Amino acid sequence: MSAALLRAEAMSVRRGRRVVLAPCDVTVHPGEVLGVYGPNGAGKSTLVQALAGLLPLASGRVVFHGQRLGQEVPLLAYHRRIAAVFQEALLLRGTVWHNVALGLSLRGIKPVDHHQRVQPWLERLNIAHVAHRPVGTLSGGEAQRTSLARALVLEPEILFLDEPFAALDAPTRVRLVEELGAILTERRIAALFVTHDLAEASDLCHRCVVLDQGHVLQEGDLPTILHRPCARRVAEITGTEHIFEATVAAVQPHGVWLDWDGQRLWASHASVAVGMPVTFVLQPEALHLCPAAESHPSCGLRGRVEQIRQRGPGWKVSVRGKNAHTVSVTYARAPDLTPGQEVTMTCPPHAIWILPV
C-alpha cells in the first residue's frame, strides 16, 4: 500500500459540550475511494467535513501528504487541492457553463483557458447539450452532473462526496455512480464518499468506515464488514437479517458446536469456551434448502417453508425451523419449493460468523 494521502490521527469534533465525533483514526490512500456509511445522525458528514478542513477539531490532527493541516499546510492551500459535492447541487444563478467555470475563475485561471478545461467535462458527464441553459431549468440529474463537473474541472487530489446522489431517482443514481466510478479510477482521484446506501458503497468504494453515534465501529473492505462484522451493532446497521443467540456446546481443534435452541450448528473456530453464550450471524446466500425426504436429518436443520416471494431480481424463501426461528434463504431463480413443504437447510461452517466477544 502506498503512503497515505490523507490521514486523521485521534481526530474528534465537538459542538458545544456535545461530542459529535469521537477520537478516530482514518486513512485515505492515493486513488482510493473510502466510503463513510452509517444511519442518519451517525456523524458521517461531520467526519468528512473535518477531513476537508471545514470544521475545527476538538482533538487530534489531519495530515495531508505527511504535513499537518492548518500548520505545515495552510487551509487555503489545502482547499485549492480538493473539491466537494453535496446532496444539493448548490448551483448559482447563470448557465451550466458559468457554474462549471466558476471555480476556475476563483482560482485565478484566465478565461482564455477555461474552454479547454470545461468542455471535456461537459462532454464526459453528458451535459454539453445544456451548457448554455439556465441552471433553474435543469432536472435533478443534470444539476448534480453540473455540480460534479464543477468539482472535477478543478482537478482535485481528493474529492469529498456527501451523499451526492441521495435525492435522485434510482435509474439516474445508478448511472451516475457507474460514471463517477469510472472517472475516479481513470484519473486516480482519491475520494471520501458519504452514503447510507450499501449498493452505492459496493459499486464505488474500496474500503468503508462504519459510524454510529459519532463512533467508528469498523473499517475495512465491504465484504468483510458485511460477512464478518466486529459487533452486533455493525450487523444491525448494515441490515444483517439473521442475528441469533446460541450457547457453545463443544470446542474442537477445527471448529465449535453451537446449541441453537436445540439445533446443533458446526461453525468455524472462534475464541470461545464451552458454555459461553454467543451471538452469531448467518449468511443467507451460503445456505441451501432441499426437500426433507432427499436428505438425512443429520446433514442440516429441519424446518417448514413459510413464504416464497420475489425480491428484486432474485427470490427469498422463509423457513421456520424446528427451534421456532425463521431463516430466509436467497435464490437467483425461482426455487422448486412450495409453502408448507418440509425442508432441510444445509448450513456450511463459512455461513456462520460468531461475533467477537
Protein backbone atom coordinates (compact mmCIF):
# COMPACT_ATOMS: atom_id res chain seq x y z
CA MET A 1 0.00 0.00 0.00
CA SER A 2 1.29 3.45 -0.92
CA ALA A 3 1.91 6.19 1.63
CA ALA A 4 -1.21 7.86 2.98
CA LEU A 5 -2.55 10.82 1.04
CA LEU A 6 -4.78 11.96 3.90
CA ARG A 7 -4.72 10.76 7.48
CA ALA A 8 -6.65 11.65 10.62
CA GLU A 9 -4.99 10.88 13.93
CA ALA A 10 -7.18 10.78 17.07
CA MET A 11 -9.45 13.34 15.38
CA SER A 12 -12.57 14.40 17.28
CA VAL A 13 -15.18 17.13 16.89
CA ARG A 14 -17.42 18.83 19.45
CA ARG A 15 -20.45 21.05 19.09
CA GLY A 16 -20.64 22.96 22.33
CA ARG A 17 -20.26 20.37 25.07
CA ARG A 18 -21.50 17.52 22.93
CA VAL A 19 -19.05 15.15 21.25
CA VAL A 20 -20.35 14.60 17.71
CA LEU A 21 -17.30 12.66 16.55
CA ALA A 22 -15.28 10.56 18.99
CA PRO A 23 -11.49 10.33 18.56
CA CYS A 24 -10.78 8.24 15.48
CA ASP A 25 -8.03 7.38 13.01
CA VAL A 26 -8.89 7.41 9.30
CA THR A 27 -6.58 6.95 6.32
CA VAL A 28 -7.10 7.59 2.61
CA HIS A 29 -4.52 6.39 0.08
CA PRO A 30 -3.88 7.87 -3.40
CA GLY A 31 -6.58 6.77 -5.84
CA GLU A 32 -8.65 5.14 -3.10
CA VAL A 33 -12.38 5.66 -2.58
CA LEU A 34 -13.24 5.42 1.11
CA GLY A 35 -16.92 5.00 1.92
CA VAL A 36 -18.41 6.53 5.04
CA TYR A 37 -21.50 4.53 5.98
CA GLY A 38 -23.98 4.72 8.83
CA PRO A 39 -27.53 5.68 9.84
CA ASN A 40 -28.86 9.22 9.95
CA GLY A 41 -27.15 11.23 12.67
CA ALA A 42 -24.18 8.85 12.86
CA GLY A 43 -21.62 11.62 12.24
CA LYS A 44 -20.85 10.87 8.57
CA SER A 45 -20.99 14.45 7.35
CA THR A 46 -19.09 15.65 10.42
CA LEU A 47 -16.27 13.19 9.68
CA VAL A 48 -15.97 14.28 6.07
CA GLN A 49 -16.22 18.00 6.84
CA ALA A 50 -13.49 17.64 9.47
CA LEU A 51 -11.23 15.83 7.00
CA ALA A 52 -11.96 18.54 4.45
CA GLY A 53 -10.77 21.20 6.88
CA LEU A 54 -14.22 22.74 7.21
CA LEU A 55 -14.68 22.12 10.94
CA PRO A 56 -12.43 22.89 13.92
CA LEU A 57 -11.08 19.83 15.73
CA ALA A 58 -11.54 19.23 19.44
CA SER A 59 -8.53 16.92 19.43
CA GLY A 60 -6.10 15.18 17.11
CA ARG A 61 -4.89 16.32 13.73
CA VAL A 62 -5.33 15.86 9.98
CA VAL A 63 -2.21 15.14 7.91
CA PHE A 64 -2.07 15.76 4.15
CA HIS A 65 0.95 14.38 2.24
CA GLY A 66 2.67 13.92 5.60
CA GLN A 67 2.17 17.54 6.65
CA ARG A 68 -0.18 18.75 9.35
CA LEU A 69 -3.21 20.60 8.09
CA GLY A 70 -3.52 24.15 9.37
CA GLN A 71 0.15 24.36 10.29
CA GLU A 72 2.59 22.97 7.72
CA VAL A 73 -0.17 23.09 5.10
CA PRO A 74 -2.29 26.27 5.23
CA LEU A 75 -6.04 25.67 4.96
CA LEU A 76 -6.34 27.86 1.87
CA ALA A 77 -3.63 25.92 0.07
CA TYR A 78 -5.33 22.65 1.05
CA HIS A 79 -8.75 23.81 -0.15
CA ARG A 80 -7.23 24.63 -3.53
CA ARG A 81 -6.23 20.97 -3.90
CA ILE A 82 -9.58 19.40 -3.01
CA ALA A 83 -13.19 19.70 -4.15
CA ALA A 84 -16.58 18.77 -2.73
CA VAL A 85 -20.02 17.75 -3.97
CA PHE A 86 -23.02 17.76 -1.66
CA GLN A 87 -26.51 16.26 -1.66
CA GLU A 88 -27.91 19.51 -3.05
CA ALA A 89 -26.21 20.76 -6.20
CA LEU A 90 -25.84 24.31 -4.73
CA LEU A 91 -25.64 25.92 -8.16
CA LEU A 92 -25.50 29.69 -8.61
CA ARG A 93 -27.58 31.74 -10.99
CA GLY A 94 -26.45 31.58 -14.57
CA THR A 95 -25.83 28.84 -17.08
CA VAL A 96 -24.33 25.41 -16.70
CA TRP A 97 -21.14 26.68 -18.33
CA HIS A 98 -20.93 29.60 -15.91
CA ASN A 99 -21.25 27.29 -12.91
CA VAL A 100 -18.67 24.78 -14.11
CA ALA A 101 -16.15 27.53 -14.95
CA LEU A 102 -16.73 29.44 -11.72
CA GLY A 103 -14.15 27.54 -9.67
CA LEU A 104 -11.51 28.15 -12.33
CA SER A 105 -12.13 31.89 -12.11
CA LEU A 106 -11.92 31.82 -8.31
CA ARG A 107 -8.56 30.03 -8.56
CA GLY A 108 -7.13 32.63 -10.88
CA ILE A 109 -7.19 30.66 -14.13
CA LYS A 110 -7.54 33.02 -17.08
CA PRO A 111 -10.87 32.93 -19.00
CA VAL A 112 -8.97 32.18 -22.22
CA ASP A 113 -8.02 28.81 -20.72
CA HIS A 114 -11.49 27.90 -19.47
CA HIS A 115 -12.77 26.25 -22.63
CA GLN A 116 -10.09 23.56 -22.80
CA ARG A 117 -10.81 22.68 -19.16
CA VAL A 118 -14.61 22.97 -19.11
CA GLN A 119 -15.70 21.44 -22.42
CA PRO A 120 -14.19 17.95 -21.85
CA TRP A 121 -16.04 17.61 -18.53
CA LEU A 122 -19.33 18.79 -20.02
CA GLU A 123 -18.96 16.07 -22.63
CA ARG A 124 -17.74 13.41 -20.21
CA LEU A 125 -20.71 13.99 -17.89
CA ASN A 126 -23.20 14.24 -20.78
CA ILE A 127 -24.29 17.83 -20.16
CA ALA A 128 -22.67 19.55 -23.17
CA HIS A 129 -26.12 19.90 -24.76
CA VAL A 130 -27.34 22.00 -21.80
CA ALA A 131 -24.17 24.08 -21.42
CA HIS A 132 -25.94 27.38 -22.13
CA ARG A 133 -29.17 26.66 -20.33
CA PRO A 134 -30.02 28.44 -17.05
CA VAL A 135 -29.46 26.08 -14.12
CA GLY A 136 -33.04 26.66 -12.95
CA THR A 137 -34.30 24.65 -15.94
CA LEU A 138 -32.22 21.53 -15.19
CA SER A 139 -33.50 18.18 -13.98
CA GLY A 140 -32.12 16.79 -10.71
CA GLY A 141 -29.70 14.55 -12.56
CA GLU A 142 -28.48 17.36 -14.83
CA ALA A 143 -27.98 19.65 -11.84
CA GLN A 144 -25.89 17.07 -10.00
CA ARG A 145 -23.87 16.34 -13.14
CA THR A 146 -23.16 20.07 -13.30
CA SER A 147 -22.07 20.03 -9.68
CA LEU A 148 -19.74 17.09 -10.37
CA ALA A 149 -18.29 18.83 -13.43
CA ARG A 150 -17.68 21.97 -11.37
CA ALA A 151 -15.68 19.89 -8.87
CA LEU A 152 -13.79 17.71 -11.35
CA VAL A 153 -12.75 20.61 -13.59
CA LEU A 154 -10.55 21.74 -10.67
CA GLU A 155 -8.53 18.51 -10.96
CA PRO A 156 -8.66 17.82 -7.21
CA GLU A 157 -6.38 15.39 -5.44
CA ILE A 158 -9.26 14.42 -3.16
CA LEU A 159 -12.97 14.63 -3.90
CA PHE A 160 -15.35 14.86 -0.93
CA LEU A 161 -18.80 13.47 -1.75
CA ASP A 162 -21.53 13.97 0.85
CA GLU A 163 -24.48 11.80 -0.28
CA PRO A 164 -24.43 13.43 -3.74
CA PHE A 165 -26.99 11.05 -5.24
CA ALA A 166 -29.45 10.69 -2.36
CA ALA A 167 -32.10 12.97 -3.90
CA LEU A 168 -32.04 11.35 -7.36
CA ASP A 169 -34.31 8.65 -8.74
CA ALA A 170 -32.90 5.11 -8.76
CA PRO A 171 -32.03 4.80 -12.50
CA THR A 172 -30.26 8.20 -12.53
CA ARG A 173 -28.43 7.33 -9.32
CA VAL A 174 -27.17 4.02 -10.71
CA ARG A 175 -25.89 5.65 -13.92
CA LEU A 176 -24.11 8.44 -12.07
CA VAL A 177 -22.45 6.04 -9.65
CA GLU A 178 -21.14 3.98 -12.57
CA GLU A 179 -19.89 7.05 -14.45
CA LEU A 180 -18.26 8.57 -11.38
CA GLY A 181 -16.57 5.28 -10.51
CA ALA A 182 -15.05 5.11 -14.00
CA ILE A 183 -13.81 8.71 -13.73
CA LEU A 184 -12.22 8.23 -10.32
CA THR A 185 -10.46 5.07 -11.48
CA GLU A 186 -9.26 6.58 -14.75
CA ARG A 187 -7.98 9.81 -13.16
CA ARG A 188 -6.69 8.15 -9.97
CA ILE A 189 -8.62 10.66 -7.85
CA ALA A 190 -8.99 9.77 -4.19
CA ALA A 191 -12.44 10.30 -2.70
CA LEU A 192 -14.42 10.15 0.52
CA PHE A 193 -17.97 9.07 -0.24
CA VAL A 194 -20.71 9.52 2.36
CA THR A 195 -23.66 7.20 1.79
CA HIS A 196 -26.40 5.26 3.54
CA ASP A 197 -26.83 3.01 0.51
CA LEU A 198 -24.80 -0.23 0.62
CA ALA A 199 -25.29 -0.80 -3.11
CA GLU A 200 -23.62 2.56 -3.83
CA ALA A 201 -20.83 1.75 -1.41
CA SER A 202 -20.29 -1.63 -3.03
CA ASP A 203 -20.12 -0.15 -6.54
CA LEU A 204 -17.86 2.77 -5.73
CA CYS A 205 -15.75 2.16 -2.62
CA HIS A 206 -12.57 0.19 -1.99
CA ARG A 207 -12.98 0.37 1.80
CA CYS A 208 -15.65 1.60 4.20
CA VAL A 209 -15.84 3.18 7.62
CA VAL A 210 -18.96 2.32 9.62
CA LEU A 211 -20.11 5.03 12.03
CA ASP A 212 -22.77 5.14 14.72
CA GLN A 213 -23.45 7.95 17.18
CA GLY A 214 -20.12 9.57 16.40
CA HIS A 215 -18.04 6.42 16.86
CA VAL A 216 -16.13 4.48 14.20
CA LEU A 217 -17.26 0.90 14.78
CA GLN A 218 -15.43 -0.88 11.97
CA GLU A 219 -13.21 -0.12 8.99
CA GLY A 220 -12.32 -2.42 6.11
CA ASP A 221 -13.44 -3.75 2.77
CA LEU A 222 -17.21 -4.03 2.42
CA PRO A 223 -17.44 -7.86 2.06
CA THR A 224 -15.61 -8.26 5.37
CA ILE A 225 -17.86 -5.74 7.08
CA LEU A 226 -20.99 -7.45 5.75
CA HIS A 227 -19.94 -11.05 6.37
CA ARG A 228 -17.60 -10.62 9.34
CA PRO A 229 -18.99 -7.72 11.42
CA CYS A 230 -16.97 -6.92 14.52
CA ALA A 231 -20.04 -6.24 16.68
CA ARG A 232 -23.78 -6.78 16.78
CA ARG A 233 -24.40 -3.08 16.15
CA VAL A 234 -22.41 -3.24 12.90
CA ALA A 235 -24.54 -6.18 11.78
CA GLU A 236 -27.70 -4.25 12.63
CA ILE A 237 -26.57 -1.08 10.85
CA THR A 238 -25.64 -2.94 7.68
CA GLY A 239 -29.02 -4.69 7.60
CA THR A 240 -27.99 -8.20 8.57
CA GLU A 241 -31.25 -10.11 8.77
CA HIS A 242 -30.09 -13.17 10.70
CA ILE A 243 -28.69 -12.32 14.12
CA PHE A 244 -29.19 -15.08 16.69
CA GLU A 245 -28.10 -16.20 20.15
CA ALA A 246 -26.63 -19.61 20.96
CA THR A 247 -24.52 -21.44 23.54
CA VAL A 248 -21.16 -23.06 22.87
CA ALA A 249 -21.74 -26.82 23.27
CA ALA A 250 -18.26 -28.07 22.38
CA VAL A 251 -14.90 -26.74 21.24
CA GLN A 252 -12.73 -28.83 18.92
CA PRO A 253 -9.43 -28.11 17.14
CA HIS A 254 -11.05 -27.11 13.84
CA GLY A 255 -14.34 -25.60 14.95
CA VAL A 256 -17.06 -25.33 17.55
CA TRP A 257 -20.51 -26.81 18.06
CA LEU A 258 -23.26 -24.35 18.91
CA ASP A 259 -26.51 -25.23 20.64
CA TRP A 260 -29.08 -23.03 18.90
CA ASP A 261 -32.20 -23.64 20.98
CA GLY A 262 -31.99 -27.38 20.47
CA GLN A 263 -30.44 -27.37 17.00
CA ARG A 264 -26.73 -28.09 16.56
CA LEU A 265 -24.58 -25.91 14.28
CA TRP A 266 -20.96 -26.50 13.33
CA ALA A 267 -19.05 -23.22 12.99
CA SER A 268 -15.52 -22.25 12.15
CA HIS A 269 -13.22 -21.87 15.11
CA ALA A 270 -13.67 -18.83 17.35
CA SER A 271 -12.21 -17.65 20.64
CA VAL A 272 -14.92 -19.13 22.84
CA ALA A 273 -15.30 -21.64 25.66
CA VAL A 274 -17.84 -24.37 26.39
CA GLY A 275 -20.99 -22.98 27.98
CA MET A 276 -20.37 -19.43 26.75
CA PRO A 277 -23.36 -17.54 25.30
CA VAL A 278 -22.55 -16.09 21.88
CA THR A 279 -24.18 -14.05 19.16
CA PHE A 280 -23.83 -15.26 15.59
CA VAL A 281 -24.99 -14.23 12.12
CA LEU A 282 -25.99 -16.40 9.18
CA GLN A 283 -25.22 -15.55 5.56
CA PRO A 284 -28.40 -16.34 3.56
CA GLU A 285 -26.58 -16.63 0.23
CA ALA A 286 -24.49 -19.53 1.63
CA LEU A 287 -27.49 -21.55 2.85
CA HIS A 288 -29.26 -24.21 0.80
CA LEU A 289 -32.65 -25.90 1.03
CA CYS A 290 -33.68 -29.30 -0.19
CA PRO A 291 -36.83 -31.41 0.37
CA ALA A 292 -36.62 -33.22 3.69
CA ALA A 293 -37.13 -36.59 2.03
CA GLU A 294 -34.00 -36.15 -0.07
CA SER A 295 -31.64 -35.63 2.83
CA HIS A 296 -30.63 -37.22 6.06
CA PRO A 297 -31.68 -35.28 9.19
CA SER A 298 -28.10 -35.16 10.41
CA CYS A 299 -26.88 -33.10 7.43
CA GLY A 300 -28.80 -29.95 8.22
CA LEU A 301 -31.58 -28.15 10.07
CA ARG A 302 -35.16 -29.28 9.64
CA GLY A 303 -37.94 -26.78 9.03
CA ARG A 304 -41.00 -25.82 7.01
CA VAL A 305 -41.32 -23.29 4.17
CA GLU A 306 -43.43 -20.36 5.34
CA GLN A 307 -43.25 -18.00 2.38
CA ILE A 308 -41.73 -17.67 -1.10
CA ARG A 309 -41.54 -14.22 -2.65
CA GLN A 310 -39.67 -12.42 -5.38
CA ARG A 311 -37.24 -9.77 -4.18
CA GLY A 312 -35.69 -7.67 -6.91
CA PRO A 313 -34.08 -9.96 -9.48
CA GLY A 314 -33.98 -12.93 -7.06
CA TRP A 315 -36.20 -14.94 -4.74
CA LYS A 316 -36.44 -15.17 -0.97
CA VAL A 317 -37.66 -18.27 0.86
CA SER A 318 -38.57 -18.01 4.54
CA VAL A 319 -38.21 -21.21 6.56
CA ARG A 320 -39.36 -21.71 10.14
CA GLY A 321 -37.05 -24.18 11.86
CA LYS A 322 -37.87 -26.80 14.46
CA ASN A 323 -36.40 -24.46 17.06
CA ALA A 324 -39.02 -21.80 16.15
CA HIS A 325 -36.53 -19.44 14.48
CA THR A 326 -37.22 -18.16 10.97
CA VAL A 327 -34.42 -18.04 8.43
CA SER A 328 -34.51 -16.60 4.90
CA VAL A 329 -32.61 -18.22 2.05
CA THR A 330 -31.93 -16.34 -1.20
CA TYR A 331 -32.07 -17.79 -4.71
CA ALA A 332 -31.13 -16.30 -8.07
CA ARG A 333 -34.06 -18.13 -9.71
CA ALA A 334 -37.45 -19.30 -8.55
CA PRO A 335 -36.86 -22.40 -6.36
CA ASP A 336 -38.74 -25.67 -6.80
CA LEU A 337 -40.39 -25.39 -3.38
CA THR A 338 -43.90 -24.70 -2.07
CA PRO A 339 -45.23 -23.07 1.12
CA GLY A 340 -45.82 -25.64 3.86
CA GLN A 341 -43.23 -28.05 2.47
CA GLU A 342 -40.82 -29.65 4.92
CA VAL A 343 -37.20 -28.99 4.04
CA THR A 344 -33.69 -29.42 5.33
CA MET A 345 -31.43 -26.39 5.42
CA THR A 346 -27.74 -27.11 4.98
CA CYS A 347 -25.60 -24.57 6.77
CA PRO A 348 -21.86 -24.79 5.96
CA PRO A 349 -19.39 -23.51 8.58
CA HIS A 350 -18.42 -20.48 6.49
CA ALA A 351 -22.07 -19.33 6.57
CA ILE A 352 -21.84 -18.85 10.35
CA TRP A 353 -19.95 -15.97 11.91
CA ILE A 354 -19.63 -15.82 15.68
CA LEU A 355 -19.35 -12.19 16.70
CA PRO A 356 -16.24 -11.38 18.73
CA VAL A 357 -16.96 -11.35 22.44
